[in-house]
Amino acid sequence: MRPTIYLFGDSITEASFADGGWGAALANHFCRTLDVVLRGYSGYNTRWALKVLDRVFPTVGHDGAAAAPPVAVTVFFGANDACLPDRYAAFQHVPLDEYKQNLHSIVSSLKKRWPKTLILLITPPPIDEDGRLRHPYVENPSGLPERTNEAAGSFAKACVETAEECGIPVVDLWTRMQQYPDWRKTYLSDGLHLTKEGNKVVFEEVMKKLEERGLSLEKLKADLPLFADIDHDDPLKAFQQ
């Protein structure tokens, strides 16, 4: 079996296998070395993610044998936790202190399950509040965005702090994206979800963290003989090893 990387998160992860998505880019990049497995759940916050963790990552496979540990898991939550508690998406809101504790619990559970697996946290992206007003999920009689960039920034900071406390890497997407002057239009499609350019940023930042820890094509073994390594005069020799 090939090694696997799990992508665990909310809608930004669920949509990552769409055209131009960061998950699809990872799967393409590692196409002969790793399987990238999508576990994205639109609308979920860390409270709900913690409740379903054992169902998302069962300890045994379909054959009853122990499930092989993945080489890495990305944990990408916070955009829904950061919904404001007095706006129309209040049911998704998780208080900041609980969000941080939930992340700790998710990381701790994964580490206990797979001690050698690389766990990578990703902060929520920045929020374009005007974009959220133009693209509400439901009728919004208050005329106020259900998310703000300030709130998202607080959750991003908590995510970075959690990674530091757990001794694991983190992609600070909130900070990274805002380094580009026109980030609102370039990286966000509706004030929250990512454009192809925004997905490219996530892919590049995740790849940096993976490569820093040895998960690069140069250090990973390709699955089955490469075409270039097959002897033209004796092709089957390559498959006897």
C-alpha atoms as a PDB file:
ATOM      1  CA  MET A   1       0.000   0.000   0.000  1.00  0.00           C
ATOM      2  CA  ARG A   2       1.164   3.517  -0.721  1.00  0.00           C
ATOM      3  CA  PRO A   3       1.692   5.909   2.176  1.00  0.00           C
ATOM      4  CA  THR A   4      -1.181   8.343   2.682  1.00  0.00           C
ATOM      5  CA  ILE A   5      -1.735  11.972   3.573  1.00  0.00           C
ATOM      6  CA  TYR A   6      -5.122  12.874   5.067  1.00  0.00           C
ATOM      7  CA  LEU A   7      -6.682  16.297   4.546  1.00  0.00           C
ATOM      8  CA  PHE A   8      -9.044  16.972   7.477  1.00  0.00           C
ATOM      9  CA  GLY A   9     -11.054  20.164   7.540  1.00  0.00           C
ATOM     10  CA  ASP A  10     -14.172  22.123   6.615  1.00  0.00           C
ATOM     11  CA  SER A  11     -15.502  23.280   3.227  1.00  0.00           C
ATOM     12  CA  ILE A  12     -12.156  24.769   2.203  1.00  0.00           C
ATOM     13  CA  THR A  13     -10.780  21.249   2.492  1.00  0.00           C
ATOM     14  CA  GLU A  14     -13.882  19.561   1.041  1.00  0.00           C
ATOM     15  CA  ALA A  15     -13.581  21.742  -2.081  1.00  0.00           C
ATOM     16  CA  SER A  16      -9.833  21.198  -2.361  1.00  0.00           C
ATOM     17  CA  PHE A  17     -10.245  18.442  -4.968  1.00  0.00           C
ATOM     18  CA  ALA A  18     -12.196  20.748  -7.289  1.00  0.00           C
ATOM     19  CA  ASP A  19     -10.617  22.168 -10.440  1.00  0.00           C
ATOM     20  CA  GLY A  20      -7.539  24.089  -9.327  1.00  0.00           C
ATOM     21  CA  GLY A  21      -7.913  22.986  -5.695  1.00  0.00           C
ATOM     22  CA  TRP A  22      -4.980  22.662  -3.332  1.00  0.00           C
ATOM     23  CA  GLY A  23      -5.814  19.035  -2.492  1.00  0.00           C
ATOM     24  CA  ALA A  24      -5.946  18.098  -6.165  1.00  0.00           C
ATOM     25  CA  ALA A  25      -2.581  19.792  -6.635  1.00  0.00           C
ATOM     26  CA  LEU A  26      -1.116  17.725  -3.794  1.00  0.00           C
ATOM     27  CA  ALA A  27      -2.556  14.514  -5.275  1.00  0.00           C
ATOM     28  CA  ASN A  28      -1.077  15.384  -8.652  1.00  0.00           C
ATOM     29  CA  HIS A  29       2.303  16.285  -7.160  1.00  0.00           C
ATOM     30  CA  PHE A  30       2.567  12.996  -5.246  1.00  0.00           C
ATOM     31  CA  CYS A  31       0.811  10.879  -7.889  1.00  0.00           C
ATOM     32  CA  ARG A  32       3.448   8.099  -7.901  1.00  0.00           C
ATOM     33  CA  THR A  33       4.499   8.232  -4.259  1.00  0.00           C
ATOM     34  CA  LEU A  34       1.580   9.011  -1.905  1.00  0.00           C
ATOM     35  CA  ASP A  35      -2.212   8.789  -1.829  1.00  0.00           C
ATOM     36  CA  VAL A  36      -3.864  12.048  -0.757  1.00  0.00           C
ATOM     37  CA  VAL A  37      -7.128  11.191   1.032  1.00  0.00           C
ATOM     38  CA  LEU A  38      -9.836  13.823   1.375  1.00  0.00           C
ATOM     39  CA  ARG A  39     -11.742  14.174   4.641  1.00  0.00           C
ATOM     40  CA  GLY A  40     -13.397  17.579   4.294  1.00  0.00           C
ATOM     41  CA  TYR A  41     -16.765  18.443   5.869  1.00  0.00           C
ATOM     42  CA  SER A  42     -18.495  21.606   4.755  1.00  0.00           C
ATOM     43  CA  GLY A  43     -19.733  23.834   7.566  1.00  0.00           C
ATOM     44  CA  TYR A  44     -17.980  21.929  10.349  1.00  0.00           C
ATOM     45  CA  ASN A  45     -16.266  23.578  13.279  1.00  0.00           C
ATOM     46  CA  THR A  46     -13.762  22.050  15.723  1.00  0.00           C
ATOM     47  CA  ARG A  47     -16.527  21.087  18.171  1.00  0.00           C
ATOM     48  CA  TRP A  48     -18.191  18.908  15.557  1.00  0.00           C
ATOM     49  CA  ALA A  49     -14.864  17.663  14.185  1.00  0.00           C
ATOM     50  CA  LEU A  50     -13.868  16.427  17.615  1.00  0.00           C
ATOM     51  CA  LYS A  51     -17.155  14.528  17.928  1.00  0.00           C
ATOM     52  CA  VAL A  52     -16.630  12.615  14.668  1.00  0.00           C
ATOM     53  CA  LEU A  53     -12.879  12.091  14.892  1.00  0.00           C
ATOM     54  CA  ASP A  54     -13.089   8.338  15.537  1.00  0.00           C
ATOM     55  CA  ARG A  55     -15.492   7.894  12.609  1.00  0.00           C
ATOM     56  CA  VAL A  56     -13.282   9.907  10.281  1.00  0.00           C
ATOM     57  CA  PHE A  57     -10.143   8.011  11.302  1.00  0.00           C
ATOM     58  CA  PRO A  58     -11.123   4.459  12.335  1.00  0.00           C
ATOM     59  CA  THR A  59      -8.492   2.445  14.157  1.00  0.00           C
ATOM     60  CA  VAL A  60      -9.094  -0.644  12.010  1.00  0.00           C
ATOM     61  CA  GLY A  61      -9.590  -1.081   8.284  1.00  0.00           C
ATOM     62  CA  HIS A  62     -12.447  -2.796   6.458  1.00  0.00           C
ATOM     63  CA  ASP A  63     -10.613  -6.116   6.750  1.00  0.00           C
ATOM     64  CA  GLY A  64     -10.389  -5.854  10.536  1.00  0.00           C
ATOM     65  CA  ALA A  65      -6.646  -5.225  10.516  1.00  0.00           C
ATOM     66  CA  ALA A  66      -5.112  -2.158  12.123  1.00  0.00           C
ATOM     67  CA  ALA A  67      -5.241   0.828   9.810  1.00  0.00           C
ATOM     68  CA  ALA A  68      -1.822   1.882   8.530  1.00  0.00           C
ATOM     69  CA  PRO A  69      -0.724   5.249   9.936  1.00  0.00           C
ATOM     70  CA  PRO A  70      -0.619   8.109   7.423  1.00  0.00           C
ATOM     71  CA  VAL A  71       2.632   9.989   6.925  1.00  0.00           C
ATOM     72  CA  ALA A  72       0.854  13.315   7.457  1.00  0.00           C
ATOM     73  CA  VAL A  73      -2.494  14.868   8.389  1.00  0.00           C
ATOM     74  CA  THR A  74      -3.487  18.459   7.682  1.00  0.00           C
ATOM     75  CA  VAL A  75      -5.969  19.942  10.170  1.00  0.00           C
ATOM     76  CA  PHE A  76      -7.701  22.991   8.684  1.00  0.00           C
ATOM     77  CA  PHE A  77     -10.495  24.370  10.882  1.00  0.00           C
ATOM     78  CA  GLY A  78     -11.441  27.772  12.247  1.00  0.00           C
ATOM     79  CA  ALA A  79     -13.330  29.590   9.503  1.00  0.00           C
ATOM     80  CA  ASN A  80     -16.661  28.365  10.924  1.00  0.00           C
ATOM     81  CA  ASP A  81     -15.646  28.546  14.576  1.00  0.00           C
ATOM     82  CA  ALA A  82     -14.994  32.252  13.949  1.00  0.00           C
ATOM     83  CA  CYS A  83     -18.590  32.997  12.885  1.00  0.00           C
ATOM     84  CA  LEU A  84     -19.889  35.773  15.121  1.00  0.00           C
ATOM     85  CA  PRO A  85     -22.202  34.664  17.959  1.00  0.00           C
ATOM     86  CA  ASP A  86     -24.795  37.384  17.255  1.00  0.00           C
ATOM     87  CA  ARG A  87     -25.167  36.933  13.484  1.00  0.00           C
ATOM     88  CA  TYR A  88     -27.075  34.482  11.283  1.00  0.00           C
ATOM     89  CA  ALA A  89     -24.375  31.764  11.408  1.00  0.00           C
ATOM     90  CA  ALA A  90     -24.201  31.816  15.206  1.00  0.00           C
ATOM     91  CA  PHE A  91     -24.909  28.060  15.424  1.00  0.00           C
ATOM     92  CA  GLN A  92     -21.455  27.437  13.916  1.00  0.00           C
ATOM     93  CA  HIS A  93     -19.654  29.707  16.378  1.00  0.00           C
ATOM     94  CA  VAL A  94     -17.229  28.226  18.894  1.00  0.00           C
ATOM     95  CA  PRO A  95     -15.734  30.453  21.622  1.00  0.00           C
ATOM     96  CA  LEU A  96     -12.056  31.198  21.089  1.00  0.00           C
ATOM     97  CA  ASP A  97     -10.842  29.372  24.210  1.00  0.00           C
ATOM     98  CA  GLU A  98     -12.854  26.277  23.277  1.00  0.00           C
ATOM     99  CA  TYR A  99     -11.546  26.411  19.696  1.00  0.00           C
ATOM    100  CA  LYS A 100      -7.998  26.326  20.980  1.00  0.00           C
ATOM    101  CA  GLN A 101      -8.759  23.473  23.379  1.00  0.00           C
ATOM    102  CA  ASN A 102     -10.508  21.551  20.607  1.00  0.00           C
ATOM    103  CA  LEU A 103      -7.442  21.880  18.388  1.00  0.00           C
ATOM    104  CA  HIS A 104      -5.292  20.606  21.246  1.00  0.00           C
ATOM    105  CA  SER A 105      -7.629  17.632  21.663  1.00  0.00           C
ATOM    106  CA  ILE A 106      -7.630  16.830  17.934  1.00  0.00           C
ATOM    107  CA  VAL A 107      -3.840  16.998  17.766  1.00  0.00           C
ATOM    108  CA  SER A 108      -3.460  14.951  20.957  1.00  0.00           C
ATOM    109  CA  SER A 109      -5.839  12.273  19.658  1.00  0.00           C
ATOM    110  CA  LEU A 110      -3.998  12.022  16.345  1.00  0.00           C
ATOM    111  CA  LYS A 111      -0.601  11.898  18.052  1.00  0.00           C
ATOM    112  CA  LYS A 112      -1.775   9.162  20.403  1.00  0.00           C
ATOM    113  CA  ARG A 113      -3.156   7.186  17.472  1.00  0.00           C
ATOM    114  CA  TRP A 114      -0.160   7.758  15.169  1.00  0.00           C
ATOM    115  CA  PRO A 115       2.935   8.896  17.131  1.00  0.00           C
ATOM    116  CA  LYS A 116       5.153   9.221  14.046  1.00  0.00           C
ATOM    117  CA  THR A 117       2.625  10.975  11.793  1.00  0.00           C
ATOM    118  CA  LEU A 118       3.316  14.584  10.846  1.00  0.00           C
ATOM    119  CA  ILE A 119       0.400  16.803  11.897  1.00  0.00           C
ATOM    120  CA  LEU A 120       0.138  20.168  10.165  1.00  0.00           C
ATOM    121  CA  LEU A 121      -2.269  22.877  11.341  1.00  0.00           C
ATOM    122  CA  ILE A 122      -3.604  25.473   8.899  1.00  0.00           C
ATOM    123  CA  THR A 123      -5.152  28.699  10.158  1.00  0.00           C
ATOM    124  CA  PRO A 124      -8.426  30.056   8.775  1.00  0.00           C
ATOM    125  CA  PRO A 125      -7.960  32.417   5.830  1.00  0.00           C
ATOM    126  CA  PRO A 126      -8.628  36.152   6.043  1.00  0.00           C
ATOM    127  CA  ILE A 127     -12.192  37.365   5.511  1.00  0.00           C
ATOM    128  CA  ASP A 128     -13.426  39.937   3.009  1.00  0.00           C
ATOM    129  CA  GLU A 129     -16.494  41.283   4.797  1.00  0.00           C
ATOM    130  CA  ASP A 130     -17.895  43.002   1.695  1.00  0.00           C
ATOM    131  CA  GLY A 131     -17.612  39.693  -0.125  1.00  0.00           C
ATOM    132  CA  ARG A 132     -19.543  37.949   2.618  1.00  0.00           C
ATOM    133  CA  LEU A 133     -22.342  40.524   2.318  1.00  0.00           C
ATOM    134  CA  ARG A 134     -22.555  39.886  -1.408  1.00  0.00           C
ATOM    135  CA  HIS A 135     -22.606  36.099  -0.948  1.00  0.00           C
ATOM    136  CA  PRO A 136     -24.623  35.235   2.201  1.00  0.00           C
ATOM    137  CA  TYR A 137     -25.609  31.602   2.719  1.00  0.00           C
ATOM    138  CA  VAL A 138     -29.172  32.491   3.684  1.00  0.00           C
ATOM    139  CA  GLU A 139     -31.312  35.600   3.903  1.00  0.00           C
ATOM    140  CA  ASN A 140     -29.451  38.200   5.946  1.00  0.00           C
ATOM    141  CA  PRO A 141     -31.930  40.822   7.194  1.00  0.00           C
ATOM    142  CA  SER A 142     -29.375  42.452   9.523  1.00  0.00           C
ATOM    143  CA  GLY A 143     -27.215  43.511   6.595  1.00  0.00           C
ATOM    144  CA  LEU A 144     -24.111  42.593   8.607  1.00  0.00           C
ATOM    145  CA  PRO A 145     -21.470  39.986   7.678  1.00  0.00           C
ATOM    146  CA  GLU A 146     -21.561  36.767   9.679  1.00  0.00           C
ATOM    147  CA  ARG A 147     -17.760  36.790   9.824  1.00  0.00           C
ATOM    148  CA  THR A 148     -15.162  39.539  10.209  1.00  0.00           C
ATOM    149  CA  ASN A 149     -11.483  39.591   9.384  1.00  0.00           C
ATOM    150  CA  GLU A 150     -10.686  40.696  12.915  1.00  0.00           C
ATOM    151  CA  ALA A 151     -12.394  37.639  14.383  1.00  0.00           C
ATOM    152  CA  ALA A 152     -10.732  35.326  11.860  1.00  0.00           C
ATOM    153  CA  GLY A 153      -7.394  36.843  12.852  1.00  0.00           C
ATOM    154  CA  SER A 154      -7.982  36.021  16.517  1.00  0.00           C
ATOM    155  CA  PHE A 155      -8.695  32.398  15.634  1.00  0.00           C
ATOM    156  CA  ALA A 156      -5.666  32.284  13.338  1.00  0.00           C
ATOM    157  CA  LYS A 157      -3.482  33.535  16.190  1.00  0.00           C
ATOM    158  CA  ALA A 158      -4.919  30.862  18.491  1.00  0.00           C
ATOM    159  CA  CYS A 159      -4.164  28.212  15.854  1.00  0.00           C
ATOM    160  CA  VAL A 160      -0.543  29.370  15.592  1.00  0.00           C
ATOM    161  CA  GLU A 161      -0.228  29.343  19.386  1.00  0.00           C
ATOM    162  CA  THR A 162      -1.632  25.814  19.527  1.00  0.00           C
ATOM    163  CA  ALA A 163       0.896  24.587  16.974  1.00  0.00           C
ATOM    164  CA  GLU A 164       3.725  26.120  18.989  1.00  0.00           C
ATOM    165  CA  GLU A 165       2.440  24.564  22.211  1.00  0.00           C
ATOM    166  CA  CYS A 166       2.102  21.154  20.526  1.00  0.00           C
ATOM    167  CA  GLY A 167       5.478  21.385  18.799  1.00  0.00           C
ATOM    168  CA  ILE A 168       4.034  20.911  15.314  1.00  0.00           C
ATOM    169  CA  PRO A 169       4.204  22.994  12.117  1.00  0.00           C
ATOM    170  CA  VAL A 170       1.542  25.483  11.082  1.00  0.00           C
ATOM    171  CA  VAL A 171       0.618  27.381   7.930  1.00  0.00           C
ATOM    172  CA  ASP A 172      -0.449  30.891   8.944  1.00  0.00           C
ATOM    173  CA  LEU A 173      -2.741  31.419   5.983  1.00  0.00           C
ATOM    174  CA  TRP A 174      -4.408  34.489   7.513  1.00  0.00           C
ATOM    175  CA  THR A 175      -1.107  36.372   7.633  1.00  0.00           C
ATOM    176  CA  ARG A 176       0.369  34.957   4.431  1.00  0.00           C
ATOM    177  CA  MET A 177      -2.551  35.917   2.191  1.00  0.00           C
ATOM    178  CA  GLN A 178      -2.748  39.481   3.460  1.00  0.00           C
ATOM    179  CA  GLN A 179       0.815  40.120   2.383  1.00  0.00           C
ATOM    180  CA  TYR A 180      -0.582  40.520  -1.149  1.00  0.00           C
ATOM    181  CA  PRO A 181      -2.188  43.979  -1.676  1.00  0.00           C
ATOM    182  CA  ASP A 182      -5.218  42.763  -3.663  1.00  0.00           C
ATOM    183  CA  TRP A 183      -5.799  39.604  -1.607  1.00  0.00           C
ATOM    184  CA  ARG A 184      -9.567  40.060  -1.322  1.00  0.00           C
ATOM    185  CA  LYS A 185     -10.249  39.722  -5.055  1.00  0.00           C
ATOM    186  CA  THR A 186      -7.258  37.574  -5.932  1.00  0.00           C
ATOM    187  CA  TYR A 187      -7.507  34.877  -3.279  1.00  0.00           C
ATOM    188  CA  LEU A 188     -11.186  34.796  -2.201  1.00  0.00           C
ATOM    189  CA  SER A 189     -14.208  33.932  -4.352  1.00  0.00           C
ATOM    190  CA  ASP A 190     -16.962  34.928  -1.912  1.00  0.00           C
ATOM    191  CA  GLY A 191     -15.133  36.602   0.925  1.00  0.00           C
ATOM    192  CA  LEU A 192     -14.272  33.232   2.500  1.00  0.00           C
ATOM    193  CA  HIS A 193     -13.669  30.397   0.040  1.00  0.00           C
ATOM    194  CA  LEU A 194     -10.660  30.283  -2.221  1.00  0.00           C
ATOM    195  CA  THR A 195     -10.106  31.119  -5.864  1.00  0.00           C
ATOM    196  CA  LYS A 196      -7.626  29.076  -7.905  1.00  0.00           C
ATOM    197  CA  GLU A 197      -4.966  31.609  -6.914  1.00  0.00           C
ATOM    198  CA  GLY A 198      -5.907  31.220  -3.250  1.00  0.00           C
ATOM    199  CA  ASN A 199      -5.735  27.439  -3.555  1.00  0.00           C
ATOM    200  CA  LYS A 200      -2.285  27.794  -5.085  1.00  0.00           C
ATOM    201  CA  VAL A 201      -1.110  29.683  -1.998  1.00  0.00           C
ATOM    202  CA  VAL A 202      -2.352  26.873   0.271  1.00  0.00           C
ATOM    203  CA  PHE A 203      -0.664  24.242  -1.898  1.00  0.00           C
ATOM    204  CA  GLU A 204       2.653  26.101  -1.912  1.00  0.00           C
ATOM    205  CA  GLU A 205       2.622  26.732   1.839  1.00  0.00           C
ATOM    206  CA  VAL A 206       1.660  23.138   2.676  1.00  0.00           C
ATOM    207  CA  MET A 207       4.370  21.833   0.358  1.00  0.00           C
ATOM    208  CA  LYS A 208       6.987  23.966   2.118  1.00  0.00           C
ATOM    209  CA  LYS A 209       6.080  22.428   5.469  1.00  0.00           C
ATOM    210  CA  LEU A 210       6.012  18.885   4.076  1.00  0.00           C
ATOM    211  CA  GLU A 211       9.356  19.255   2.326  1.00  0.00           C
ATOM    212  CA  GLU A 212      10.966  20.739   5.450  1.00  0.00           C
ATOM    213  CA  ARG A 213      10.139  17.446   7.143  1.00  0.00           C
ATOM    214  CA  GLY A 214      11.337  15.127   4.416  1.00  0.00           C
ATOM    215  CA  LEU A 215       8.146  14.560   2.441  1.00  0.00           C
ATOM    216  CA  SER A 216       9.557  15.466  -0.955  1.00  0.00           C
ATOM    217  CA  LEU A 217       9.660  13.594  -4.253  1.00  0.00           C
ATOM    218  CA  GLU A 218      13.429  13.338  -3.943  1.00  0.00           C
ATOM    219  CA  LYS A 219      13.157  11.444  -0.655  1.00  0.00           C
ATOM    220  CA  LEU A 220      10.051   9.350  -1.326  1.00  0.00           C
ATOM    221  CA  LYS A 221      10.070   6.056  -3.172  1.00  0.00           C
ATOM    222  CA  ALA A 222       8.029   5.828  -6.364  1.00  0.00           C
ATOM    223  CA  ASP A 223       5.316   3.175  -6.505  1.00  0.00           C
ATOM    224  CA  LEU A 224       6.405   0.408  -8.935  1.00  0.00           C
ATOM    225  CA  PRO A 225       9.165   0.782 -11.542  1.00  0.00           C
ATOM    226  CA  LEU A 226       9.258   4.039 -13.459  1.00  0.00           C
ATOM    227  CA  PHE A 227       8.858   3.719 -17.217  1.00  0.00           C
ATOM    228  CA  ALA A 228      12.303   5.222 -17.747  1.00  0.00           C
ATOM    229  CA  ASP A 229      13.862   2.449 -15.639  1.00  0.00           C
ATOM    230  CA  ILE A 230      12.352  -0.456 -17.619  1.00  0.00           C
ATOM    231  CA  ASP A 231      14.880  -2.291 -19.799  1.00  0.00           C
ATOM    232  CA  HIS A 232      13.666  -2.212 -23.414  1.00  0.00           C
ATOM    233  CA  ASP A 233      15.317  -5.558 -24.125  1.00  0.00           C
ATOM    234  CA  ASP A 234      13.980  -7.319 -21.035  1.00  0.00           C
ATOM    235  CA  PRO A 235      10.947  -5.356 -19.708  1.00  0.00           C
ATOM    236  CA  LEU A 236       9.736  -8.003 -17.262  1.00  0.00           C
ATOM    237  CA  LYS A 237      13.050  -7.913 -15.371  1.00  0.00           C
ATOM    238  CA  ALA A 238      11.921  -4.664 -13.729  1.00  0.00           C
ATOM    239  CA  PHE A 239       8.961  -6.414 -12.124  1.00  0.00           C
ATOM    240  CA  GLN A 240      10.942  -9.281 -10.598  1.00  0.00           C
ATOM    241  CA  GLN A 241      12.483  -7.124  -7.871  1.00  0.00           C
END
